[in-house]
Amino acid sequence: MRPNLLFALTSLIAAALMLAPALHPATAAVYSNGTATATFTVTLTIQTNCTIAANPLAFGSTGVLASALNQQTTLSVTCSNTTPYNVGLDAGTVSGSTVASRLLAGTATGNTGTTVGFQLYQDAGHTTVWGNTQGTNTVGGTGSGSAQSINVYGQVAAQATPQPDTYQSTVTATVYF
């Protein structure tokens, strides 16, 4: 390479490197002439709130309903810390179903009017029916800010066995807060 060309390229590269800091200034400089301060407020408002999630309850398969079938599932309730709540369960979606006498209905064409009785309870001993009237038959608690698991105990009592089919209902769980 010719000496003048080499000198010119070297000078050009050196000049470019000197300009690079001007294009990208330092992120913080040090100054010693004095200081001034200001304050600002940072806020977050936590409101009273709850959410609820439910898992399915499956009684499995059986040939006859000669004895009770017992199963359980869980609800997950998450409420703001110290928030009192109640959880209610409705009668379900089957026509004629009540909290006192819940029903599952057949799902096969021509069998949707056939029902099987079942019940949902607050306790494993199946003594306290779980309903949807606050202060009467709901389950209460106090939020912790984290998910709390609540057991739901289901029972299909011994009864006359209807025709083979899958019987179902959809129950709505509500958290009151």
Protein backbone atom coordinates (compact mmCIF):
# COMPACT_ATOMS: atom_id res chain seq x y z
CA MET A 1 0.00 0.00 0.00
CA ARG A 2 1.28 3.48 -0.70
CA PRO A 3 2.50 5.45 2.33
CA ASN A 4 0.18 8.42 1.67
CA LEU A 5 -2.85 6.14 1.36
CA LEU A 6 -1.90 4.28 4.53
CA PHE A 7 -1.50 7.58 6.38
CA ALA A 8 -4.85 8.81 5.08
CA LEU A 9 -6.69 5.62 6.15
CA THR A 10 -5.05 5.65 9.58
CA SER A 11 -5.99 9.30 10.07
CA LEU A 12 -9.58 8.61 8.99
CA ILE A 13 -9.94 5.70 11.44
CA ALA A 14 -8.43 7.76 14.28
CA ALA A 15 -10.83 10.64 13.58
CA ALA A 16 -13.81 8.27 13.52
CA LEU A 17 -12.82 6.80 16.88
CA MET A 18 -12.51 10.26 18.38
CA LEU A 19 -16.04 11.14 17.22
CA ALA A 20 -17.60 7.93 18.60
CA PRO A 21 -17.89 9.22 22.21
CA ALA A 22 -19.60 12.37 20.94
CA LEU A 23 -22.21 10.23 19.21
CA HIS A 24 -22.77 8.12 22.36
CA PRO A 25 -22.24 10.34 25.40
CA ALA A 26 -21.40 8.77 28.74
CA THR A 27 -24.42 7.63 30.75
CA ALA A 28 -23.49 9.64 33.84
CA ALA A 29 -21.04 12.40 34.44
CA VAL A 30 -19.58 13.59 37.73
CA TYR A 31 -20.26 17.18 38.76
CA SER A 32 -19.12 19.03 41.87
CA ASN A 33 -20.88 22.40 41.73
CA GLY A 34 -23.72 21.48 44.15
CA THR A 35 -26.94 19.44 44.38
CA ALA A 36 -30.68 19.95 44.34
CA THR A 37 -33.31 17.37 45.28
CA ALA A 38 -36.99 16.71 44.73
CA THR A 39 -39.29 14.01 46.04
CA PHE A 40 -42.17 12.20 44.41
CA THR A 41 -44.84 9.89 45.74
CA VAL A 42 -45.20 6.30 44.55
CA THR A 43 -48.62 4.74 45.20
CA LEU A 44 -50.50 1.51 44.70
CA THR A 45 -54.07 1.01 45.87
CA ILE A 46 -55.05 -2.56 46.74
CA GLN A 47 -58.80 -2.87 46.43
CA THR A 48 -61.03 -5.44 48.04
CA ASN A 49 -61.25 -8.22 45.47
CA CYS A 50 -61.70 -11.97 45.14
CA THR A 51 -61.43 -14.56 42.38
CA ILE A 52 -62.63 -18.14 42.35
CA ALA A 53 -61.74 -21.20 40.28
CA ALA A 54 -63.35 -24.64 40.35
CA ASN A 55 -62.21 -28.15 39.49
CA PRO A 56 -64.61 -30.77 38.05
CA LEU A 57 -66.31 -33.33 40.28
CA ALA A 58 -66.51 -36.79 38.68
CA PHE A 59 -68.33 -39.66 40.37
CA GLY A 60 -66.79 -42.13 37.94
CA SER A 61 -68.63 -45.08 36.40
CA THR A 62 -70.91 -47.63 38.01
CA GLY A 63 -73.39 -50.27 36.90
CA VAL A 64 -76.01 -49.77 39.60
CA LEU A 65 -76.65 -47.18 42.31
CA ALA A 66 -77.12 -49.72 45.12
CA SER A 67 -74.82 -47.81 47.49
CA ALA A 68 -73.67 -44.21 47.84
CA LEU A 69 -70.89 -42.86 45.62
CA ASN A 70 -68.69 -40.29 47.36
CA GLN A 71 -66.16 -37.99 45.70
CA GLN A 72 -64.63 -34.62 46.39
CA THR A 73 -63.15 -31.72 44.49
CA THR A 74 -61.69 -28.33 45.36
CA LEU A 75 -62.40 -24.68 44.80
CA SER A 76 -59.60 -22.13 44.83
CA VAL A 77 -60.44 -18.73 46.32
CA THR A 78 -58.01 -15.83 46.21
CA CYS A 79 -59.05 -12.68 48.07
CA SER A 80 -57.23 -9.55 49.12
CA ASN A 81 -55.57 -9.95 52.51
CA THR A 82 -58.07 -9.59 55.41
CA THR A 83 -61.08 -9.58 53.05
CA PRO A 84 -63.96 -11.64 54.49
CA TYR A 85 -65.81 -13.81 51.97
CA ASN A 86 -68.51 -16.45 51.56
CA VAL A 87 -68.62 -19.14 48.87
CA GLY A 88 -71.96 -20.40 47.61
CA LEU A 89 -72.90 -23.24 45.25
CA ASP A 90 -76.11 -23.03 43.23
CA ALA A 91 -78.53 -25.86 42.45
CA GLY A 92 -77.02 -26.59 39.05
CA THR A 93 -78.41 -26.32 35.54
CA VAL A 94 -80.81 -29.29 35.44
CA SER A 95 -84.49 -28.36 35.35
CA GLY A 96 -86.14 -29.09 38.70
CA SER A 97 -82.84 -29.12 40.60
CA THR A 98 -82.78 -27.27 43.94
CA VAL A 99 -80.06 -26.80 46.54
CA ALA A 100 -81.92 -29.28 48.76
CA SER A 101 -82.32 -31.81 45.93
CA ARG A 102 -79.71 -31.47 43.17
CA LEU A 103 -80.06 -33.41 39.93
CA LEU A 104 -77.85 -34.73 37.14
CA ALA A 105 -79.57 -35.19 33.75
CA GLY A 106 -78.88 -37.71 31.01
CA THR A 107 -76.96 -36.41 28.01
CA ALA A 108 -78.00 -38.88 25.29
CA THR A 109 -80.65 -37.86 22.77
CA GLY A 110 -84.04 -38.89 24.12
CA ASN A 111 -82.73 -39.28 27.68
CA THR A 112 -82.23 -35.68 28.79
CA GLY A 113 -85.32 -35.82 31.00
CA THR A 114 -83.94 -38.73 33.04
CA THR A 115 -82.21 -37.65 36.25
CA VAL A 116 -79.99 -38.93 39.04
CA GLY A 117 -80.03 -37.23 42.43
CA PHE A 118 -76.81 -35.97 44.01
CA GLN A 119 -75.77 -33.56 46.73
CA LEU A 120 -72.86 -31.25 47.58
CA TYR A 121 -71.69 -30.88 51.16
CA GLN A 122 -69.43 -28.64 53.21
CA ASP A 123 -68.07 -31.56 55.25
CA ALA A 124 -66.66 -35.04 54.66
CA GLY A 125 -69.41 -36.54 56.85
CA HIS A 126 -72.04 -35.35 54.34
CA THR A 127 -74.16 -33.61 56.96
CA THR A 128 -74.12 -29.92 55.95
CA VAL A 129 -75.57 -29.19 52.50
CA TRP A 130 -73.69 -26.47 50.62
CA GLY A 131 -76.02 -23.85 49.21
CA ASN A 132 -76.01 -20.30 47.93
CA THR A 133 -77.66 -18.27 50.71
CA GLN A 134 -75.13 -16.15 52.60
CA GLY A 135 -75.23 -16.60 56.35
CA THR A 136 -77.20 -19.83 56.01
CA ASN A 137 -75.50 -22.51 53.92
CA THR A 138 -72.36 -20.96 52.40
CA VAL A 139 -68.74 -21.45 53.47
CA GLY A 140 -66.95 -18.41 54.85
CA GLY A 141 -63.34 -17.41 55.16
CA THR A 142 -60.91 -14.51 55.24
CA GLY A 143 -58.58 -13.74 52.37
CA SER A 144 -54.83 -14.02 52.80
CA GLY A 145 -53.78 -12.53 49.47
CA SER A 146 -52.92 -16.05 48.26
CA ALA A 147 -55.03 -18.89 46.88
CA GLN A 148 -56.98 -20.83 49.50
CA SER A 149 -58.25 -24.32 48.72
CA ILE A 150 -61.76 -25.30 49.85
CA ASN A 151 -63.01 -28.89 49.62
CA VAL A 152 -66.40 -29.73 48.13
CA TYR A 153 -67.77 -33.15 49.11
CA GLY A 154 -70.18 -34.78 46.66
CA GLN A 155 -72.46 -37.76 47.09
CA VAL A 156 -74.78 -39.73 44.82
CA ALA A 157 -77.02 -41.56 47.30
CA ALA A 158 -78.29 -45.09 46.66
CA GLN A 159 -81.34 -44.85 44.37
CA ALA A 160 -83.10 -46.55 41.49
CA THR A 161 -80.64 -46.88 38.61
CA PRO A 162 -81.76 -45.22 35.37
CA GLN A 163 -80.72 -46.32 31.87
CA PRO A 164 -77.01 -46.25 30.99
CA ASP A 165 -75.85 -42.76 29.99
CA THR A 166 -73.57 -39.98 31.17
CA TYR A 167 -75.45 -37.78 33.63
CA GLN A 168 -74.31 -34.24 34.29
CA SER A 169 -75.08 -30.78 35.61
CA THR A 170 -73.13 -27.53 35.77
CA VAL A 171 -72.92 -25.97 39.23
CA THR A 172 -71.90 -22.33 39.63
CA ALA A 173 -69.63 -21.43 42.54
CA THR A 174 -69.88 -17.79 43.64
CA VAL A 175 -67.59 -15.90 46.00
CA TYR A 176 -69.28 -13.03 47.86
CA PHE A 177 -67.04 -10.34 49.34
